[in-house]
Amino acid sequence: MTNKDQNINNKPGSKQPPRPGAVSSDDLYFTSEMIERIKESQREIKEGKHIVVRTKEDLDKFFEEL
């Protein structure tokens, strides 16, 4: 139930642009491309395609191997 004066944001990735006033400068908006990149990153992490850096030495080693 919404108030007729209340602004409603479209779902992220929606083809329709947000209505004027519906998005404030504090709101986050993700495009469908950004959402897909996030999902792909999550898949890569689950598949073990990531590194873990816990110490300065780990970070130094990572950069040396680039």
C-alpha atoms as a PDB file:
ATOM      1  CA  MET A   1       0.000   0.000   0.000  1.00  0.00           C
ATOM      2  CA  THR A   2       1.501   3.320  -1.037  1.00  0.00           C
ATOM      3  CA  ASN A   3       0.647   6.919  -0.512  1.00  0.00           C
ATOM      4  CA  LYS A   4      -0.104   8.778  -3.760  1.00  0.00           C
ATOM      5  CA  ASP A   5       2.540  11.373  -2.790  1.00  0.00           C
ATOM      6  CA  GLN A   6       5.184   8.723  -2.129  1.00  0.00           C
ATOM      7  CA  ASN A   7       7.861   8.194  -4.794  1.00  0.00           C
ATOM      8  CA  ILE A   8       8.479   4.610  -5.873  1.00  0.00           C
ATOM      9  CA  ASN A   9      11.840   3.506  -7.294  1.00  0.00           C
ATOM     10  CA  ASN A  10      11.995   1.137 -10.240  1.00  0.00           C
ATOM     11  CA  LYS A  11      13.763  -2.178  -9.742  1.00  0.00           C
ATOM     12  CA  PRO A  12      17.496  -2.184 -10.494  1.00  0.00           C
ATOM     13  CA  GLY A  13      18.094  -3.129 -14.116  1.00  0.00           C
ATOM     14  CA  SER A  14      14.658  -1.874 -15.152  1.00  0.00           C
ATOM     15  CA  LYS A  15      14.415  -0.530 -18.699  1.00  0.00           C
ATOM     16  CA  GLN A  16      12.440   2.461 -17.440  1.00  0.00           C
ATOM     17  CA  PRO A  17      14.326   5.438 -16.019  1.00  0.00           C
ATOM     18  CA  PRO A  18      13.507   6.445 -12.455  1.00  0.00           C
ATOM     19  CA  ARG A  19      10.749   9.007 -12.091  1.00  0.00           C
ATOM     20  CA  PRO A  20      11.889  12.545 -11.252  1.00  0.00           C
ATOM     21  CA  GLY A  21      12.468  12.802  -7.526  1.00  0.00           C
ATOM     22  CA  ALA A  22      12.361   9.040  -7.072  1.00  0.00           C
ATOM     23  CA  VAL A  23      16.127   8.702  -6.554  1.00  0.00           C
ATOM     24  CA  SER A  24      18.014  10.836  -4.087  1.00  0.00           C
ATOM     25  CA  SER A  25      21.752  11.438  -4.079  1.00  0.00           C
ATOM     26  CA  ASP A  26      22.040   8.914  -1.219  1.00  0.00           C
ATOM     27  CA  ASP A  27      20.364   6.082  -3.160  1.00  0.00           C
ATOM     28  CA  LEU A  28      22.408   3.450  -4.964  1.00  0.00           C
ATOM     29  CA  TYR A  29      21.392   2.421  -8.464  1.00  0.00           C
ATOM     30  CA  PHE A  30      22.860  -0.571 -10.267  1.00  0.00           C
ATOM     31  CA  THR A  31      22.476  -1.069 -13.995  1.00  0.00           C
ATOM     32  CA  SER A  32      21.751  -4.546 -15.337  1.00  0.00           C
ATOM     33  CA  GLU A  33      25.372  -4.710 -16.574  1.00  0.00           C
ATOM     34  CA  MET A  34      26.696  -3.918 -13.089  1.00  0.00           C
ATOM     35  CA  ILE A  35      24.453  -6.576 -11.547  1.00  0.00           C
ATOM     36  CA  GLU A  36      25.730  -9.155 -14.057  1.00  0.00           C
ATOM     37  CA  ARG A  37      29.356  -8.250 -13.255  1.00  0.00           C
ATOM     38  CA  ILE A  38      28.648  -8.682  -9.542  1.00  0.00           C
ATOM     39  CA  LYS A  39      27.016 -12.072 -10.155  1.00  0.00           C
ATOM     40  CA  GLU A  40      29.958 -13.176 -12.326  1.00  0.00           C
ATOM     41  CA  SER A  41      32.391 -12.155  -9.579  1.00  0.00           C
ATOM     42  CA  GLN A  42      30.377 -14.157  -7.046  1.00  0.00           C
ATOM     43  CA  ARG A  43      30.507 -17.221  -9.360  1.00  0.00           C
ATOM     44  CA  GLU A  44      34.286 -16.858  -9.722  1.00  0.00           C
ATOM     45  CA  ILE A  45      34.722 -16.705  -5.953  1.00  0.00           C
ATOM     46  CA  LYS A  46      32.621 -19.867  -5.499  1.00  0.00           C
ATOM     47  CA  GLU A  47      34.775 -21.600  -8.146  1.00  0.00           C
ATOM     48  CA  GLY A  48      37.945 -20.668  -6.264  1.00  0.00           C
ATOM     49  CA  LYS A  49      39.123 -18.146  -8.840  1.00  0.00           C
ATOM     50  CA  HIS A  50      40.304 -15.630  -6.258  1.00  0.00           C
ATOM     51  CA  ILE A  51      43.209 -14.873  -3.991  1.00  0.00           C
ATOM     52  CA  VAL A  52      43.304 -14.173  -0.283  1.00  0.00           C
ATOM     53  CA  VAL A  53      45.537 -11.384   0.992  1.00  0.00           C
ATOM     54  CA  ARG A  54      45.876 -11.331   4.764  1.00  0.00           C
ATOM     55  CA  THR A  55      49.256  -9.727   5.319  1.00  0.00           C
ATOM     56  CA  LYS A  56      51.503  -7.103   3.785  1.00  0.00           C
ATOM     57  CA  GLU A  57      53.756  -9.911   2.630  1.00  0.00           C
ATOM     58  CA  ASP A  58      50.838 -11.589   0.830  1.00  0.00           C
ATOM     59  CA  LEU A  59      50.103  -8.298  -0.898  1.00  0.00           C
ATOM     60  CA  ASP A  60      53.752  -7.804  -1.876  1.00  0.00           C
ATOM     61  CA  LYS A  61      53.852 -11.351  -3.277  1.00  0.00           C
ATOM     62  CA  PHE A  62      50.652 -10.725  -5.255  1.00  0.00           C
ATOM     63  CA  PHE A  63      52.084  -7.607  -6.894  1.00  0.00           C
ATOM     64  CA  GLU A  64      55.390  -9.324  -7.640  1.00  0.00           C
ATOM     65  CA  GLU A  65      53.539 -12.062  -9.508  1.00  0.00           C
ATOM     66  CA  LEU A  66      51.605  -9.679 -11.756  1.00  0.00           C
END
